[in-house]
């Protein structure tokens, strides 16, 4: 369970995607500028707790980011061939898509 400070840091890092963010930027922007002025190192113990719990990871240049989530076992879904082509042209990854040909191959290979 995260406390309020950990949630602030978590949501700030979540907005940065998978980039390493300098620790000083986290101190300044996660809690707001006013909080940074009052206590410049307010997030140091918060980051240490999150690092111990495996929520964040640090690089060698004093950058911090959320630890990437392991790939989940999302079931595959069948998609019509013309829809699969449209999805493929969009440039995104659709590893959970099964084409009709793939489904037929899987059926015949299981016999």
PDB file of N, CA and C in Angstrom:
ATOM      1  N   UNK A   1       0.846  -1.175   0.000  1.00  0.00           N
ATOM      2  CA  UNK A   1       0.000   0.000   0.000  1.00  0.00           C
ATOM      3  C   UNK A   1       0.893   1.240   0.000  1.00  0.00           C
ATOM      4  N   UNK A   2       0.617   2.164  -0.911  1.00  0.00           N
ATOM      5  CA  UNK A   2       1.432   3.372  -1.022  1.00  0.00           C
ATOM      6  C   UNK A   2       0.817   4.500  -0.208  1.00  0.00           C
ATOM      7  N   UNK A   3       1.683   5.311   0.391  1.00  0.00           N
ATOM      8  CA  UNK A   3       1.188   6.495   1.089  1.00  0.00           C
ATOM      9  C   UNK A   3       1.053   7.639   0.075  1.00  0.00           C
ATOM     10  N   UNK A   4       0.658   8.797   0.543  1.00  0.00           N
ATOM     11  CA  UNK A   4       0.376   9.928  -0.347  1.00  0.00           C
ATOM     12  C   UNK A   4       1.627  10.395  -1.094  1.00  0.00           C
ATOM     13  N   UNK A   5       2.759  10.419  -0.431  1.00  0.00           N
ATOM     14  CA  UNK A   5       3.995  10.849  -1.082  1.00  0.00           C
ATOM     15  C   UNK A   5       4.408   9.873  -2.181  1.00  0.00           C
ATOM     16  N   UNK A   6       4.288   8.592  -1.898  1.00  0.00           N
ATOM     17  CA  UNK A   6       4.632   7.590  -2.905  1.00  0.00           C
ATOM     18  C   UNK A   6       3.706   7.684  -4.115  1.00  0.00           C
ATOM     19  N   UNK A   7       2.434   7.971  -3.870  1.00  0.00           N
ATOM     20  CA  UNK A   7       1.495   8.127  -4.990  1.00  0.00           C
ATOM     21  C   UNK A   7       1.856   9.330  -5.855  1.00  0.00           C
ATOM     22  N   UNK A   8       2.274  10.424  -5.213  1.00  0.00           N
ATOM     23  CA  UNK A   8       2.681  11.607  -5.981  1.00  0.00           C
ATOM     24  C   UNK A   8       3.849  11.282  -6.895  1.00  0.00           C
ATOM     25  N   UNK A   9       4.850  10.600  -6.353  1.00  0.00           N
ATOM     26  CA  UNK A   9       6.020  10.227  -7.144  1.00  0.00           C
ATOM     27  C   UNK A   9       5.625   9.233  -8.224  1.00  0.00           C
ATOM     28  N   UNK A  10       4.794   8.259  -7.873  1.00  0.00           N
ATOM     29  CA  UNK A  10       4.365   7.242  -8.831  1.00  0.00           C
ATOM     30  C   UNK A  10       3.652   7.876 -10.029  1.00  0.00           C
ATOM     31  N   UNK A  11       2.694   8.754  -9.769  1.00  0.00           N
ATOM     32  CA  UNK A  11       1.942   9.349 -10.873  1.00  0.00           C
ATOM     33  C   UNK A  11       2.792  10.315 -11.689  1.00  0.00           C
ATOM     34  N   UNK A  12       3.765  10.969 -11.057  1.00  0.00           N
ATOM     35  CA  UNK A  12       4.689  11.808 -11.817  1.00  0.00           C
ATOM     36  C   UNK A  12       5.523  10.948 -12.762  1.00  0.00           C
ATOM     37  N   UNK A  13       6.064   9.839 -12.257  1.00  0.00           N
ATOM     38  CA  UNK A  13       6.886   8.961 -13.090  1.00  0.00           C
ATOM     39  C   UNK A  13       6.056   8.245 -14.148  1.00  0.00           C
ATOM     40  N   UNK A  14       4.816   7.957 -13.834  1.00  0.00           N
ATOM     41  CA  UNK A  14       3.942   7.302 -14.806  1.00  0.00           C
ATOM     42  C   UNK A  14       3.720   8.205 -16.016  1.00  0.00           C
ATOM     43  N   UNK A  15       3.668   9.506 -15.805  1.00  0.00           N
ATOM     44  CA  UNK A  15       3.512  10.450 -16.899  1.00  0.00           C
ATOM     45  C   UNK A  15       4.751  10.582 -17.759  1.00  0.00           C
ATOM     46  N   UNK A  16       5.884  10.119 -17.267  1.00  0.00           N
ATOM     47  CA  UNK A  16       7.142  10.197 -18.015  1.00  0.00           C
ATOM     48  C   UNK A  16       7.401   8.940 -18.842  1.00  0.00           C
ATOM     49  N   UNK A  17       6.430   8.032 -18.887  1.00  0.00           N
ATOM     50  CA  UNK A  17       6.528   6.749 -19.593  1.00  0.00           C
ATOM     51  C   UNK A  17       7.702   5.948 -19.057  1.00  0.00           C
ATOM     52  N   UNK A  18       8.590   5.461 -19.912  1.00  0.00           N
ATOM     53  CA  UNK A  18       9.679   4.602 -19.429  1.00  0.00           C
ATOM     54  C   UNK A  18      11.028   5.317 -19.462  1.00  0.00           C
ATOM     55  N   UNK A  19      11.014   6.642 -19.456  1.00  0.00           N
ATOM     56  CA  UNK A  19      12.251   7.412 -19.463  1.00  0.00           C
ATOM     57  C   UNK A  19      12.818   7.509 -18.045  1.00  0.00           C
ATOM     58  N   UNK A  20      14.143   7.558 -17.980  1.00  0.00           N
ATOM     59  CA  UNK A  20      14.768   7.837 -16.694  1.00  0.00           C
ATOM     60  C   UNK A  20      14.679   9.340 -16.447  1.00  0.00           C
ATOM     61  N   UNK A  21      14.188   9.708 -15.282  1.00  0.00           N
ATOM     62  CA  UNK A  21      13.997  11.109 -14.906  1.00  0.00           C
ATOM     63  C   UNK A  21      15.020  11.442 -13.821  1.00  0.00           C
ATOM     64  N   UNK A  22      15.736  12.565 -13.940  1.00  0.00           N
ATOM     65  CA  UNK A  22      16.686  12.933 -12.886  1.00  0.00           C
ATOM     66  C   UNK A  22      15.971  13.088 -11.539  1.00  0.00           C
ATOM     67  N   UNK A  23      16.639  12.648 -10.496  1.00  0.00           N
ATOM     68  CA  UNK A  23      16.061  12.673  -9.155  1.00  0.00           C
ATOM     69  C   UNK A  23      15.702  14.099  -8.745  1.00  0.00           C
ATOM     70  N   UNK A  24      16.511  15.069  -9.140  1.00  0.00           N
ATOM     71  CA  UNK A  24      16.235  16.469  -8.795  1.00  0.00           C
ATOM     72  C   UNK A  24      14.906  16.919  -9.405  1.00  0.00           C
ATOM     73  N   UNK A  25      14.600  16.451 -10.611  1.00  0.00           N
ATOM     74  CA  UNK A  25      13.319  16.795 -11.236  1.00  0.00           C
ATOM     75  C   UNK A  25      12.151  16.192 -10.468  1.00  0.00           C
ATOM     76  N   UNK A  26      12.352  14.994  -9.954  1.00  0.00           N
ATOM     77  CA  UNK A  26      11.298  14.367  -9.145  1.00  0.00           C
ATOM     78  C   UNK A  26      11.087  15.177  -7.874  1.00  0.00           C
ATOM     79  N   UNK A  27      12.180  15.587  -7.224  1.00  0.00           N
ATOM     80  CA  UNK A  27      12.065  16.403  -6.018  1.00  0.00           C
ATOM     81  C   UNK A  27      11.278  17.672  -6.297  1.00  0.00           C
ATOM     82  N   UNK A  28      11.540  18.284  -7.449  1.00  0.00           N
ATOM     83  CA  UNK A  28      10.955  19.588  -7.742  1.00  0.00           C
ATOM     84  C   UNK A  28       9.510  19.507  -8.234  1.00  0.00           C
ATOM     85  N   UNK A  29       9.232  18.583  -9.148  1.00  0.00           N
ATOM     86  CA  UNK A  29       7.930  18.616  -9.830  1.00  0.00           C
ATOM     87  C   UNK A  29       6.895  17.645  -9.281  1.00  0.00           C
ATOM     88  N   UNK A  30       7.301  16.566  -8.624  1.00  0.00           N
ATOM     89  CA  UNK A  30       6.313  15.596  -8.143  1.00  0.00           C
ATOM     90  C   UNK A  30       5.457  16.176  -7.019  1.00  0.00           C
ATOM     91  N   UNK A  31       6.050  16.907  -6.122  1.00  0.00           N
ATOM     92  CA  UNK A  31       5.305  17.467  -4.998  1.00  0.00           C
ATOM     93  C   UNK A  31       4.940  18.927  -5.171  1.00  0.00           C
ATOM     94  N   UNK A  32       5.379  19.516  -6.252  1.00  0.00           N
ATOM     95  CA  UNK A  32       5.109  20.926  -6.483  1.00  0.00           C
ATOM     96  C   UNK A  32       6.295  21.794  -6.082  1.00  0.00           C
ATOM     97  N   UNK A  33       6.348  22.972  -6.664  1.00  0.00           N
ATOM     98  CA  UNK A  33       7.474  23.876  -6.415  1.00  0.00           C
ATOM     99  C   UNK A  33       7.514  24.378  -4.978  1.00  0.00           C
ATOM    100  N   UNK A  34       6.354  24.604  -4.404  1.00  0.00           N
ATOM    101  CA  UNK A  34       6.301  25.104  -3.025  1.00  0.00           C
ATOM    102  C   UNK A  34       6.889  24.078  -2.052  1.00  0.00           C
ATOM    103  N   UNK A  35       6.536  22.844  -2.253  1.00  0.00           N
ATOM    104  CA  UNK A  35       7.070  21.793  -1.379  1.00  0.00           C
ATOM    105  C   UNK A  35       8.580  21.663  -1.560  1.00  0.00           C
ATOM    106  N   UNK A  36       9.040  21.831  -2.797  1.00  0.00           N
ATOM    107  CA  UNK A  36      10.479  21.782  -3.064  1.00  0.00           C
ATOM    108  C   UNK A  36      11.210  22.929  -2.367  1.00  0.00           C
ATOM    109  N   UNK A  37      10.589  24.104  -2.341  1.00  0.00           N
ATOM    110  CA  UNK A  37      11.212  25.247  -1.666  1.00  0.00           C
ATOM    111  C   UNK A  37      11.311  25.020  -0.157  1.00  0.00           C
ATOM    112  N   UNK A  38      10.268  24.417   0.418  1.00  0.00           N
ATOM    113  CA  UNK A  38      10.258  24.170   1.861  1.00  0.00           C
ATOM    114  C   UNK A  38      11.244  23.080   2.273  1.00  0.00           C
ATOM    115  N   UNK A  39      11.306  22.019   1.481  1.00  0.00           N
ATOM    116  CA  UNK A  39      12.188  20.888   1.799  1.00  0.00           C
ATOM    117  C   UNK A  39      12.690  20.278   0.497  1.00  0.00           C
ATOM    118  N   UNK A  40      13.871  20.673   0.048  1.00  0.00           N
ATOM    119  CA  UNK A  40      14.365  20.226  -1.261  1.00  0.00           C
ATOM    120  C   UNK A  40      14.537  18.710  -1.395  1.00  0.00           C
ATOM    121  N   UNK A  41      14.834  18.002  -0.312  1.00  0.00           N
ATOM    122  CA  UNK A  41      15.051  16.552  -0.385  1.00  0.00           C
ATOM    123  C   UNK A  41      13.869  15.747   0.144  1.00  0.00           C
ATOM    124  N   UNK A  42      12.668  16.259   0.020  1.00  0.00           N
ATOM    125  CA  UNK A  42      11.500  15.601   0.605  1.00  0.00           C
ATOM    126  C   UNK A  42      11.270  14.210   0.026  1.00  0.00           C
ATOM    127  N   UNK A  43      11.625  13.986  -1.234  1.00  0.00           N
ATOM    128  CA  UNK A  43      11.303  12.708  -1.891  1.00  0.00           C
ATOM    129  C   UNK A  43      12.396  11.665  -1.741  1.00  0.00           C
ATOM    130  N   UNK A  44      13.509  12.010  -1.130  1.00  0.00           N
ATOM    131  CA  UNK A  44      14.605  11.054  -1.005  1.00  0.00           C
ATOM    132  C   UNK A  44      14.190   9.791  -0.248  1.00  0.00           C
ATOM    133  N   UNK A  45      13.594   9.898   0.951  1.00  0.00           N
ATOM    134  CA  UNK A  45      13.164   8.667   1.641  1.00  0.00           C
ATOM    135  C   UNK A  45      12.043   7.944   0.900  1.00  0.00           C
ATOM    136  N   UNK A  46      11.225   8.694   0.202  1.00  0.00           N
ATOM    137  CA  UNK A  46      10.130   8.084  -0.567  1.00  0.00           C
ATOM    138  C   UNK A  46      10.701   7.229  -1.691  1.00  0.00           C
ATOM    139  N   UNK A  47      11.676   7.768  -2.417  1.00  0.00           N
ATOM    140  CA  UNK A  47      12.303   7.016  -3.514  1.00  0.00           C
ATOM    141  C   UNK A  47      13.055   5.795  -2.989  1.00  0.00           C
ATOM    142  N   UNK A  48      13.696   5.933  -1.838  1.00  0.00           N
ATOM    143  CA  UNK A  48      14.404   4.789  -1.261  1.00  0.00           C
ATOM    144  C   UNK A  48      13.436   3.667  -0.896  1.00  0.00           C
ATOM    145  N   UNK A  49      12.287   4.028  -0.320  1.00  0.00           N
ATOM    146  CA  UNK A  49      11.270   3.006   0.004  1.00  0.00           C
ATOM    147  C   UNK A  49      10.754   2.336  -1.265  1.00  0.00           C
ATOM    148  N   UNK A  50      10.491   3.154  -2.288  1.00  0.00           N
ATOM    149  CA  UNK A  50       9.975   2.599  -3.537  1.00  0.00           C
ATOM    150  C   UNK A  50      11.020   1.730  -4.232  1.00  0.00           C
ATOM    151  N   UNK A  51      12.284   2.082  -4.101  1.00  0.00           N
ATOM    152  CA  UNK A  51      13.366   1.286  -4.670  1.00  0.00           C
ATOM    153  C   UNK A  51      13.480  -0.057  -3.954  1.00  0.00           C
ATOM    154  N   UNK A  52      13.375  -0.047  -2.632  1.00  0.00           N
ATOM    155  CA  UNK A  52      13.427  -1.288  -1.851  1.00  0.00           C
ATOM    156  C   UNK A  52      12.260  -2.208  -2.181  1.00  0.00           C
ATOM    157  N   UNK A  53      11.096  -1.646  -2.423  1.00  0.00           N
ATOM    158  CA  UNK A  53       9.908  -2.448  -2.720  1.00  0.00           C
ATOM    159  C   UNK A  53       9.833  -2.864  -4.181  1.00  0.00           C
ATOM    160  N   UNK A  54      10.757  -2.387  -5.019  1.00  0.00           N
ATOM    161  CA  UNK A  54      10.795  -2.802  -6.420  1.00  0.00           C
ATOM    162  C   UNK A  54       9.828  -2.057  -7.310  1.00  0.00           C
ATOM    163  N   UNK A  55       9.363  -0.893  -6.908  1.00  0.00           N
ATOM    164  CA  UNK A  55       8.426  -0.115  -7.728  1.00  0.00           C
ATOM    165  C   UNK A  55       9.186   0.719  -8.750  1.00  0.00           C
ATOM    166  N   UNK A  56      10.350   1.241  -8.356  1.00  0.00           N
ATOM    167  CA  UNK A  56      11.170   2.056  -9.262  1.00  0.00           C
ATOM    168  C   UNK A  56      12.538   1.412  -9.412  1.00  0.00           C
ATOM    169  N   UNK A  57      13.259   1.852 -10.442  1.00  0.00           N
ATOM    170  CA  UNK A  57      14.639   1.429 -10.627  1.00  0.00           C
ATOM    171  C   UNK A  57      15.476   2.647 -10.976  1.00  0.00           C
ATOM    172  N   UNK A  58      16.750   2.591 -10.636  1.00  0.00           N
ATOM    173  CA  UNK A  58      17.655   3.720 -10.853  1.00  0.00           C
ATOM    174  C   UNK A  58      18.718   3.311 -11.862  1.00  0.00           C
ATOM    175  N   UNK A  59      19.203   4.304 -12.617  1.00  0.00           N
ATOM    176  CA  UNK A  59      20.326   4.049 -13.507  1.00  0.00           C
ATOM    177  C   UNK A  59      21.591   4.614 -12.888  1.00  0.00           C
ATOM    178  N   UNK A  60      22.696   4.494 -13.602  1.00  0.00           N
ATOM    179  CA  UNK A  60      23.976   4.937 -13.044  1.00  0.00           C
ATOM    180  C   UNK A  60      24.141   6.450 -13.032  1.00  0.00           C
ATOM    181  N   UNK A  61      23.263   7.187 -13.711  1.00  0.00           N
ATOM    182  CA  UNK A  61      23.374   8.646 -13.785  1.00  0.00           C
ATOM    183  C   UNK A  61      22.401   9.352 -12.853  1.00  0.00           C
ATOM    184  N   UNK A  62      21.962   8.715 -11.818  1.00  0.00           N
ATOM    185  CA  UNK A  62      21.000   9.293 -10.864  1.00  0.00           C
ATOM    186  C   UNK A  62      19.653   9.577 -11.513  1.00  0.00           C
ATOM    187  N   UNK A  63      19.237   8.707 -12.401  1.00  0.00           N
ATOM    188  CA  UNK A  63      17.907   8.805 -12.993  1.00  0.00           C
ATOM    189  C   UNK A  63      17.018   7.731 -12.393  1.00  0.00           C
ATOM    190  N   UNK A  64      15.741   7.962 -12.424  1.00  0.00           N
ATOM    191  CA  UNK A  64      14.800   7.043 -11.799  1.00  0.00           C
ATOM    192  C   UNK A  64      13.609   6.854 -12.734  1.00  0.00           C
ATOM    193  N   UNK A  65      13.057   5.661 -12.784  1.00  0.00           N
ATOM    194  CA  UNK A  65      11.853   5.404 -13.567  1.00  0.00           C
ATOM    195  C   UNK A  65      11.072   4.278 -12.920  1.00  0.00           C
ATOM    196  N   UNK A  66       9.818   4.147 -13.327  1.00  0.00           N
ATOM    197  CA  UNK A  66       9.008   3.030 -12.849  1.00  0.00           C
ATOM    198  C   UNK A  66       9.550   1.750 -13.456  1.00  0.00           C
ATOM    199  N   UNK A  67       9.565   0.715 -12.682  1.00  0.00           N
ATOM    200  CA  UNK A  67      10.032  -0.569 -13.170  1.00  0.00           C
ATOM    201  C   UNK A  67       9.023  -1.094 -14.191  1.00  0.00           C
ATOM    202  N   UNK A  68       9.475  -1.538 -15.361  1.00  0.00           N
ATOM    203  CA  UNK A  68       8.527  -2.048 -16.363  1.00  0.00           C
ATOM    204  C   UNK A  68       7.785  -3.280 -15.852  1.00  0.00           C
ATOM    205  N   UNK A  69       6.530  -3.346 -16.202  1.00  0.00           N
ATOM    206  CA  UNK A  69       5.709  -4.483 -15.807  1.00  0.00           C
ATOM    207  C   UNK A  69       6.075  -5.697 -16.656  1.00  0.00           C
ATOM    208  N   UNK A  70       6.102  -6.884 -16.067  1.00  0.00           N
ATOM    209  CA  UNK A  70       6.370  -8.080 -16.874  1.00  0.00           C
ATOM    210  C   UNK A  70       5.219  -8.323 -17.834  1.00  0.00           C
ATOM    211  N   UNK A  71       5.506  -8.925 -18.982  1.00  0.00           N
ATOM    212  CA  UNK A  71       4.429  -9.181 -19.940  1.00  0.00           C
ATOM    213  C   UNK A  71       3.381 -10.115 -19.341  1.00  0.00           C
ATOM    214  N   UNK A  72       2.154  -9.786 -19.591  1.00  0.00           N
ATOM    215  CA  UNK A  72       1.068 -10.596 -19.031  1.00  0.00           C
ATOM    216  C   UNK A  72       0.650 -11.664 -20.021  1.00  0.00           C
ATOM    217  N   UNK A  73      -0.023 -12.646 -19.522  1.00  0.00           N
ATOM    218  CA  UNK A  73      -0.519 -13.726 -20.375  1.00  0.00           C
ATOM    219  C   UNK A  73      -1.907 -13.367 -20.889  1.00  0.00           C
ATOM    220  N   UNK A  74      -1.950 -12.419 -21.802  1.00  0.00           N
ATOM    221  CA  UNK A  74      -3.214 -11.975 -22.373  1.00  0.00           C
ATOM    222  C   UNK A  74      -3.634 -12.989 -23.426  1.00  0.00           C
ATOM    223  N   UNK A  75      -4.855 -13.485 -23.357  1.00  0.00           N
ATOM    224  CA  UNK A  75      -5.289 -14.451 -24.362  1.00  0.00           C
ATOM    225  C   UNK A  75      -5.369 -13.802 -25.737  1.00  0.00           C
ATOM    226  N   UNK A  76      -5.095 -14.618 -26.745  1.00  0.00           N
ATOM    227  CA  UNK A  76      -5.160 -14.123 -28.112  1.00  0.00           C
ATOM    228  C   UNK A  76      -6.607 -14.062 -28.567  1.00  0.00           C
ATOM    229  N   UNK A  77      -6.871 -13.147 -29.499  1.00  0.00           N
ATOM    230  CA  UNK A  77      -8.223 -12.990 -30.035  1.00  0.00           C
ATOM    231  C   UNK A  77      -8.194 -13.102 -31.544  1.00  0.00           C
ATOM    232  N   UNK A  78      -9.235 -13.678 -32.090  1.00  0.00           N
ATOM    233  CA  UNK A  78      -9.343 -13.805 -33.527  1.00  0.00           C
ATOM    234  C   UNK A  78      -9.783 -12.472 -34.120  1.00  0.00           C
ATOM    235  N   UNK A  79      -9.168 -12.105 -35.248  1.00  0.00           N
ATOM    236  CA  UNK A  79      -9.500 -10.873 -35.948  1.00  0.00           C
ATOM    237  C   UNK A  79      -9.617 -11.199 -37.423  1.00  0.00           C
ATOM    238  N   UNK A  80     -10.601 -10.604 -38.066  1.00  0.00           N
ATOM    239  CA  UNK A  80     -10.774 -10.798 -39.508  1.00  0.00           C
ATOM    240  C   UNK A  80      -9.508 -10.334 -40.234  1.00  0.00           C
ATOM    241  N   UNK A  81      -9.147 -10.990 -41.341  1.00  0.00           N
ATOM    242  CA  UNK A  81      -7.898 -10.647 -42.033  1.00  0.00           C
ATOM    243  C   UNK A  81      -7.789  -9.188 -42.448  1.00  0.00           C
ATOM    244  N   UNK A  82      -8.877  -8.591 -42.934  1.00  0.00           N
ATOM    245  CA  UNK A  82      -8.783  -7.195 -43.368  1.00  0.00           C
ATOM    246  C   UNK A  82      -8.610  -6.253 -42.171  1.00  0.00           C
ATOM    247  N   UNK A  83      -9.187  -6.599 -41.026  1.00  0.00           N
ATOM    248  CA  UNK A  83      -8.997  -5.803 -39.815  1.00  0.00           C
ATOM    249  C   UNK A  83      -7.558  -5.958 -39.313  1.00  0.00           C
ATOM    250  N   UNK A  84      -7.015  -7.178 -39.385  1.00  0.00           N
ATOM    251  CA  UNK A  84      -5.627  -7.414 -38.974  1.00  0.00           C
ATOM    252  C   UNK A  84      -4.663  -6.600 -39.820  1.00  0.00           C
ATOM    253  N   UNK A  85      -4.930  -6.478 -41.113  1.00  0.00           N
ATOM    254  CA  UNK A  85      -4.079  -5.659 -41.982  1.00  0.00           C
ATOM    255  C   UNK A  85      -4.140  -4.192 -41.591  1.00  0.00           C
ATOM    256  N   UNK A  86      -5.323  -3.693 -41.261  1.00  0.00           N
ATOM    257  CA  UNK A  86      -5.475  -2.297 -40.835  1.00  0.00           C
ATOM    258  C   UNK A  86      -4.709  -2.060 -39.536  1.00  0.00           C
ATOM    259  N   UNK A  87      -4.832  -2.996 -38.599  1.00  0.00           N
ATOM    260  CA  UNK A  87      -4.125  -2.869 -37.326  1.00  0.00           C
ATOM    261  C   UNK A  87      -2.612  -2.899 -37.534  1.00  0.00           C
ATOM    262  N   UNK A  88      -2.140  -3.759 -38.429  1.00  0.00           N
ATOM    263  CA  UNK A  88      -0.711  -3.860 -38.691  1.00  0.00           C
ATOM    264  C   UNK A  88      -0.176  -2.574 -39.325  1.00  0.00           C
ATOM    265  N   UNK A  89      -0.966  -1.944 -40.188  1.00  0.00           N
ATOM    266  CA  UNK A  89      -0.542  -0.706 -40.847  1.00  0.00           C
ATOM    267  C   UNK A  89      -0.497   0.470 -39.876  1.00  0.00           C
ATOM    268  N   UNK A  90      -1.186   0.361 -38.752  1.00  0.00           N
ATOM    269  CA  UNK A  90      -1.195   1.466 -37.785  1.00  0.00           C
ATOM    270  C   UNK A  90       0.159   1.645 -37.105  1.00  0.00           C
ATOM    271  N   UNK A  91       1.021   0.628 -37.152  1.00  0.00           N
ATOM    272  CA  UNK A  91       2.350   0.741 -36.569  1.00  0.00           C
ATOM    273  C   UNK A  91       2.441   0.264 -35.129  1.00  0.00           C
ATOM    274  N   UNK A  92       1.351  -0.107 -34.528  1.00  0.00           N
ATOM    275  CA  UNK A  92       1.371  -0.610 -33.151  1.00  0.00           C
ATOM    276  C   UNK A  92       1.578  -2.116 -33.152  1.00  0.00           C
ATOM    277  N   UNK A  93       1.929  -2.646 -31.999  1.00  0.00           N
ATOM    278  CA  UNK A  93       2.114  -4.091 -31.865  1.00  0.00           C
ATOM    279  C   UNK A  93       0.788  -4.741 -31.477  1.00  0.00           C
ATOM    280  N   UNK A  94       0.448  -5.767 -32.186  1.00  0.00           N
ATOM    281  CA  UNK A  94      -0.749  -6.552 -31.877  1.00  0.00           C
ATOM    282  C   UNK A  94      -0.355  -8.024 -31.867  1.00  0.00           C
ATOM    283  N   UNK A  95       0.351  -8.413 -30.794  1.00  0.00           N
ATOM    284  CA  UNK A  95       0.814  -9.784 -30.678  1.00  0.00           C
ATOM    285  C   UNK A  95      -0.303 -10.749 -30.281  1.00  0.00           C
ATOM    286  N   UNK A  96      -1.408 -10.211 -29.759  1.00  0.00           N
ATOM    287  CA  UNK A  96      -2.488 -11.066 -29.292  1.00  0.00           C
ATOM    288  C   UNK A  96      -3.508 -11.366 -30.392  1.00  0.00           C
ATOM    289  N   UNK A  97      -3.177 -11.032 -31.633  1.00  0.00           N
ATOM    290  CA  UNK A  97      -4.111 -11.209 -32.739  1.00  0.00           C
ATOM    291  C   UNK A  97      -3.870 -12.554 -33.399  1.00  0.00           C
ATOM    292  N   UNK A  98      -4.931 -13.290 -33.648  1.00  0.00           N
ATOM    293  CA  UNK A  98      -4.863 -14.553 -34.360  1.00  0.00           C
ATOM    294  C   UNK A  98      -5.590 -14.382 -35.689  1.00  0.00           C
ATOM    295  N   UNK A  99      -4.912 -14.697 -36.756  1.00  0.00           N
ATOM    296  CA  UNK A  99      -5.553 -14.667 -38.070  1.00  0.00           C
ATOM    297  C   UNK A  99      -6.241 -16.006 -38.307  1.00  0.00           C
ATOM    298  N   UNK A 100      -7.099 -16.027 -39.265  1.00  0.00           N
ATOM    299  CA  UNK A 100      -7.835 -17.244 -39.579  1.00  0.00           C
ATOM    300  C   UNK A 100      -6.872 -18.349 -40.005  1.00  0.00           C
ATOM    301  N   UNK A 101      -5.839 -17.987 -40.768  1.00  0.00           N
ATOM    302  CA  UNK A 101      -4.860 -18.986 -41.208  1.00  0.00           C
ATOM    303  C   UNK A 101      -4.113 -19.570 -40.025  1.00  0.00           C
ATOM    304  N   UNK A 102      -3.758 -18.716 -39.055  1.00  0.00           N
ATOM    305  CA  UNK A 102      -3.058 -19.174 -37.865  1.00  0.00           C
ATOM    306  C   UNK A 102      -3.920 -20.141 -37.058  1.00  0.00           C
ATOM    307  N   UNK A 103      -5.197 -19.832 -36.981  1.00  0.00           N
ATOM    308  CA  UNK A 103      -6.120 -20.677 -36.235  1.00  0.00           C
ATOM    309  C   UNK A 103      -6.249 -22.042 -36.898  1.00  0.00           C
ATOM    310  N   UNK A 104      -6.322 -22.052 -38.218  1.00  0.00           N
ATOM    311  CA  UNK A 104      -6.426 -23.317 -38.943  1.00  0.00           C
ATOM    312  C   UNK A 104      -5.157 -24.135 -38.772  1.00  0.00           C
ATOM    313  N   UNK A 105      -3.986 -23.493 -38.850  1.00  0.00           N
ATOM    314  CA  UNK A 105      -2.725 -24.196 -38.652  1.00  0.00           C
ATOM    315  C   UNK A 105      -2.656 -24.798 -37.262  1.00  0.00           C
ATOM    316  N   UNK A 106      -3.077 -24.059 -36.272  1.00  0.00           N
ATOM    317  CA  UNK A 106      -3.060 -24.544 -34.897  1.00  0.00           C
ATOM    318  C   UNK A 106      -3.980 -25.741 -34.741  1.00  0.00           C
ATOM    319  N   UNK A 107      -5.133 -25.699 -35.402  1.00  0.00           N
ATOM    320  CA  UNK A 107      -6.083 -26.813 -35.308  1.00  0.00           C
ATOM    321  C   UNK A 107      -5.509 -28.060 -35.944  1.00  0.00           C
ATOM    322  N   UNK A 108      -4.929 -27.939 -37.130  1.00  0.00           N
ATOM    323  CA  UNK A 108      -4.393 -29.102 -37.821  1.00  0.00           C
ATOM    324  C   UNK A 108      -3.117 -29.627 -37.161  1.00  0.00           C
ATOM    325  N   UNK A 109      -2.350 -28.757 -36.549  1.00  0.00           N
ATOM    326  CA  UNK A 109      -1.151 -29.201 -35.844  1.00  0.00           C
ATOM    327  C   UNK A 109      -1.482 -29.941 -34.560  1.00  0.00           C
ATOM    328  N   UNK A 110      -2.653 -29.675 -34.003  1.00  0.00           N
ATOM    329  CA  UNK A 110      -3.038 -30.347 -32.762  1.00  0.00           C
ATOM    330  C   UNK A 110      -3.589 -31.736 -33.000  1.00  0.00           C
ATOM    331  N   UNK A 111      -3.907 -32.064 -34.232  1.00  0.00           N
ATOM    332  CA  UNK A 111      -4.444 -33.405 -34.541  1.00  0.00           C
ATOM    333  C   UNK A 111      -3.404 -34.469 -34.560  1.00  0.00           C
TER     334      UNK A 111
END
